[in-house]
Amino acid sequence: MSTRGVRRLRRSELPVDTLELARYLIGKTLVHDLPTGRRSGRIVESEGYPPGDAAGHAFRGETPRNHSLFLRHGHCYVFFVYGSSFMMNVSSEEPGVGAGVLLRALEPLDGVEQMKRARRTARVNDLARGPGRLARAMQIDRRNDGADLCAAGPLWLGTAVRPTGAIGKSRRIGLTREVRRMYRSYERGNPCVSGPKRLREWISR
């Protein structure tokens, strides 16, 4: 399956609410048009970091590093973590309100062979299973920070390529603060979703 026929999402289609956006993005498409070809995937897992969330990068206020989280909803915020991985968020509130949705996993669509080379694995389900793997597979880094994902540009959000399956929710993964918040959304039963099995089959809604 490819992204032929997928159109760019309009900003007016994105909920102006972090947790609603986290759920809304499940099943939608992330596209990166590169000189080497298109890479894309279905978003199958996300985590919301709403305003005032102590686990969010915007919690202590705006800085040059996290500025993109304070942009109008639908912009890209990229950060570097663990000394090895980039991770991608989508800004999720009105301008000046810091919040975002972390994209945690994709089901690969276009550019699978390029993703395999970037990730050095042939396991398709693992290519973008987890936020660091996602960024590497999609060739996303700090150069994409601040990109408008609803405007003309190489990195963008698109409509769904097929109907979305049942959506589950659970607590977030890998945190030391606000660990029990049920802010993670995912497509139930999708093999590209990350995390332990008990968090992949938590609860449907």
Protein backbone atom coordinates (compact mmCIF):
# COMPACT_ATOMS: atom_id res chain seq x y z
CA MET A 1 0.00 0.00 0.00
CA SER A 2 1.28 3.48 -0.90
CA THR A 3 0.24 7.08 -0.31
CA ARG A 4 -1.16 7.62 -3.80
CA GLY A 5 -4.32 9.65 -3.34
CA VAL A 6 -3.41 10.84 0.16
CA ARG A 7 -3.83 14.58 0.56
CA ARG A 8 -2.23 16.98 2.99
CA LEU A 9 -4.28 17.57 6.14
CA ARG A 10 -5.68 21.06 6.57
CA ARG A 11 -4.97 22.74 9.88
CA SER A 12 -8.71 23.23 10.37
CA GLU A 13 -9.05 19.43 10.49
CA LEU A 14 -6.67 19.07 13.44
CA PRO A 15 -8.23 19.27 16.92
CA VAL A 16 -6.90 22.18 18.99
CA ASP A 17 -6.52 19.95 22.03
CA THR A 18 -3.53 17.77 22.80
CA LEU A 19 -5.29 14.57 23.84
CA GLU A 20 -7.88 14.82 21.08
CA LEU A 21 -5.10 15.35 18.55
CA ALA A 22 -3.17 12.32 19.87
CA ARG A 23 -6.20 10.14 19.16
CA TYR A 24 -7.07 11.87 15.88
CA LEU A 25 -3.61 11.22 14.42
CA ILE A 26 -3.95 7.44 14.77
CA GLY A 27 -4.41 6.06 11.27
CA LYS A 28 -3.31 9.27 9.56
CA THR A 29 -0.19 9.41 7.37
CA LEU A 30 3.23 10.93 7.97
CA VAL A 31 5.07 11.73 4.72
CA HIS A 32 8.65 12.85 4.09
CA ASP A 33 9.48 13.69 0.48
CA LEU A 34 13.26 13.40 0.16
CA PRO A 35 15.65 13.74 -2.81
CA THR A 36 16.04 9.94 -2.65
CA GLY A 37 12.28 9.36 -2.77
CA ARG A 38 9.22 9.39 -0.57
CA ARG A 39 9.12 7.76 2.85
CA SER A 40 5.78 7.44 4.58
CA GLY A 41 3.86 5.49 7.18
CA ARG A 42 0.55 5.19 8.98
CA ILE A 43 0.66 6.68 12.48
CA VAL A 44 -0.28 3.81 14.78
CA GLU A 45 0.87 5.12 18.19
CA SER A 46 1.10 8.54 19.83
CA GLU A 47 1.44 10.15 23.27
CA GLY A 48 -0.06 13.42 24.39
CA TYR A 49 1.81 15.97 26.54
CA PRO A 50 -0.85 18.62 27.30
CA PRO A 51 -0.36 22.08 28.82
CA GLY A 52 0.95 21.93 32.37
CA ASP A 53 2.17 18.34 32.06
CA ALA A 54 5.28 17.94 34.22
CA ALA A 55 6.58 15.30 31.80
CA GLY A 56 6.36 17.64 28.82
CA HIS A 57 9.21 19.67 27.38
CA ALA A 58 7.09 22.83 27.61
CA PHE A 59 6.47 22.54 31.36
CA ARG A 60 9.09 25.11 32.44
CA GLY A 61 8.20 27.60 29.73
CA GLU A 62 9.39 28.55 26.29
CA THR A 63 13.09 28.40 25.39
CA PRO A 64 14.97 28.51 22.09
CA ARG A 65 15.15 24.71 22.23
CA ASN A 66 11.42 24.04 22.67
CA HIS A 67 10.06 27.04 20.76
CA SER A 68 8.30 24.86 18.20
CA LEU A 69 6.02 23.40 20.88
CA PHE A 70 4.57 26.88 21.33
CA LEU A 71 3.72 27.35 17.65
CA ARG A 72 0.21 27.01 16.27
CA HIS A 73 -1.02 23.40 16.26
CA GLY A 74 0.31 21.33 13.37
CA HIS A 75 4.00 22.23 13.51
CA CYS A 76 6.93 19.85 13.99
CA TYR A 77 9.04 19.81 17.15
CA VAL A 78 12.16 17.62 17.02
CA PHE A 79 14.45 16.95 19.96
CA PHE A 80 17.56 14.84 20.57
CA VAL A 81 17.60 12.38 23.46
CA TYR A 82 19.82 9.71 25.01
CA GLY A 83 22.74 11.04 22.97
CA SER A 84 21.63 8.95 20.00
CA SER A 85 18.05 9.51 18.88
CA PHE A 86 15.79 12.21 17.48
CA MET A 87 12.09 12.22 18.32
CA MET A 88 9.22 14.03 16.61
CA ASN A 89 6.24 15.81 18.13
CA VAL A 90 3.33 17.70 16.62
CA SER A 91 2.46 21.00 18.34
CA SER A 92 -1.10 20.72 19.57
CA GLU A 93 -2.57 23.92 21.01
CA GLU A 94 -3.08 27.60 20.21
CA PRO A 95 -0.01 29.78 19.52
CA GLY A 96 1.87 30.53 22.72
CA VAL A 97 0.56 27.46 24.57
CA GLY A 98 3.27 24.82 24.89
CA ALA A 99 2.10 21.26 24.28
CA GLY A 100 2.63 18.44 21.82
CA VAL A 101 1.91 14.94 20.63
CA LEU A 102 4.85 12.54 20.40
CA LEU A 103 4.68 10.21 17.40
CA ARG A 104 5.71 6.82 18.74
CA ALA A 105 5.25 4.35 15.87
CA LEU A 106 4.46 4.05 12.17
CA GLU A 107 3.34 1.24 9.92
CA PRO A 108 5.67 1.69 6.90
CA LEU A 109 4.14 2.46 3.51
CA ASP A 110 6.45 4.15 0.96
CA GLY A 111 10.24 3.89 0.95
CA VAL A 112 10.51 0.64 2.87
CA GLU A 113 13.85 -0.29 1.30
CA GLN A 114 15.33 3.10 2.23
CA MET A 115 14.02 2.64 5.76
CA LYS A 116 15.64 -0.78 5.98
CA ARG A 117 19.00 0.70 5.01
CA ALA A 118 18.63 3.59 7.46
CA ARG A 119 17.66 1.26 10.29
CA ARG A 120 19.95 -1.62 9.27
CA THR A 121 17.23 -4.21 9.66
CA ALA A 122 14.93 -6.16 7.36
CA ARG A 123 12.16 -6.51 9.96
CA VAL A 124 9.42 -4.28 8.53
CA ASN A 125 7.37 -4.22 11.72
CA ASP A 126 10.40 -2.88 13.64
CA LEU A 127 11.43 -0.16 11.19
CA ALA A 128 9.50 2.64 12.92
CA ARG A 129 8.38 0.89 16.11
CA GLY A 130 9.31 3.41 18.80
CA PRO A 131 9.93 7.17 18.50
CA GLY A 132 13.69 7.02 17.94
CA ARG A 133 13.36 4.34 15.28
CA LEU A 134 10.56 6.34 13.65
CA ALA A 135 12.75 9.42 13.25
CA ARG A 136 15.68 7.43 11.87
CA ALA A 137 13.50 5.46 9.43
CA MET A 138 11.84 8.65 8.20
CA GLN A 139 15.13 10.65 8.14
CA ILE A 140 13.81 13.27 10.55
CA ASP A 141 16.22 15.41 12.58
CA ARG A 142 16.63 18.93 13.95
CA ARG A 143 16.58 20.35 10.43
CA ASN A 144 12.85 19.56 10.43
CA ASP A 145 12.20 21.36 13.72
CA GLY A 146 9.57 24.07 13.24
CA ALA A 147 8.27 22.72 9.93
CA ASP A 148 4.61 23.44 9.22
CA LEU A 149 3.12 19.97 8.70
CA CYS A 150 0.00 21.39 7.04
CA ALA A 151 1.77 23.66 4.52
CA ALA A 152 3.69 22.97 1.34
CA GLY A 153 6.97 21.31 2.28
CA PRO A 154 8.75 17.96 2.29
CA LEU A 155 7.50 16.80 5.73
CA TRP A 156 3.73 16.70 6.13
CA LEU A 157 0.68 15.05 7.65
CA GLY A 158 -1.77 13.34 5.33
CA THR A 159 -5.15 11.68 5.35
CA ALA A 160 -5.57 7.96 6.07
CA VAL A 161 -4.85 5.36 3.40
CA ARG A 162 -7.45 3.01 4.85
CA PRO A 163 -9.99 2.93 7.70
CA THR A 164 -8.45 3.00 11.17
CA GLY A 165 -8.91 0.02 13.43
CA ALA A 166 -10.07 0.13 17.05
CA ILE A 167 -8.13 2.70 19.06
CA GLY A 168 -6.80 1.85 22.51
CA LYS A 169 -5.31 3.99 25.25
CA SER A 170 -2.87 3.37 28.07
CA ARG A 171 -0.41 5.09 30.34
CA ARG A 172 2.66 6.53 28.65
CA ILE A 173 5.95 4.69 28.26
CA GLY A 174 9.45 5.42 29.59
CA LEU A 175 8.63 8.33 31.91
CA THR A 176 9.54 9.19 35.48
CA ARG A 177 6.89 11.94 35.89
CA GLU A 178 3.12 11.75 35.40
CA VAL A 179 3.59 8.06 34.64
CA ARG A 180 -0.01 7.01 35.23
CA ARG A 181 -1.65 9.47 32.86
CA MET A 182 -3.70 7.62 30.22
CA TYR A 183 -2.39 9.81 27.42
CA ARG A 184 -1.09 7.20 24.98
CA SER A 185 -3.21 6.23 21.95
CA TYR A 186 -2.60 3.35 19.55
CA GLU A 187 -4.26 1.14 16.94
CA ARG A 188 -5.15 -2.08 18.70
CA GLY A 189 -3.66 -5.23 17.23
CA ASN A 190 -1.23 -3.45 14.92
CA PRO A 191 2.14 -5.26 14.99
CA CYS A 192 4.06 -2.00 14.53
CA VAL A 193 2.91 -0.58 17.89
CA SER A 194 5.72 -0.36 20.47
CA GLY A 195 5.83 -1.26 24.14
CA PRO A 196 5.07 -4.43 26.12
CA LYS A 197 2.07 -6.52 25.11
CA ARG A 198 0.10 -5.53 28.20
CA LEU A 199 0.21 -1.92 27.02
CA ARG A 200 -0.70 -2.84 23.44
CA GLU A 201 -4.00 -4.42 24.51
CA TRP A 202 -4.87 -2.17 27.45
CA ILE A 203 -8.31 -0.74 26.76
CA SER A 204 -10.38 0.21 23.73
CA ARG A 205 -12.49 3.28 23.28
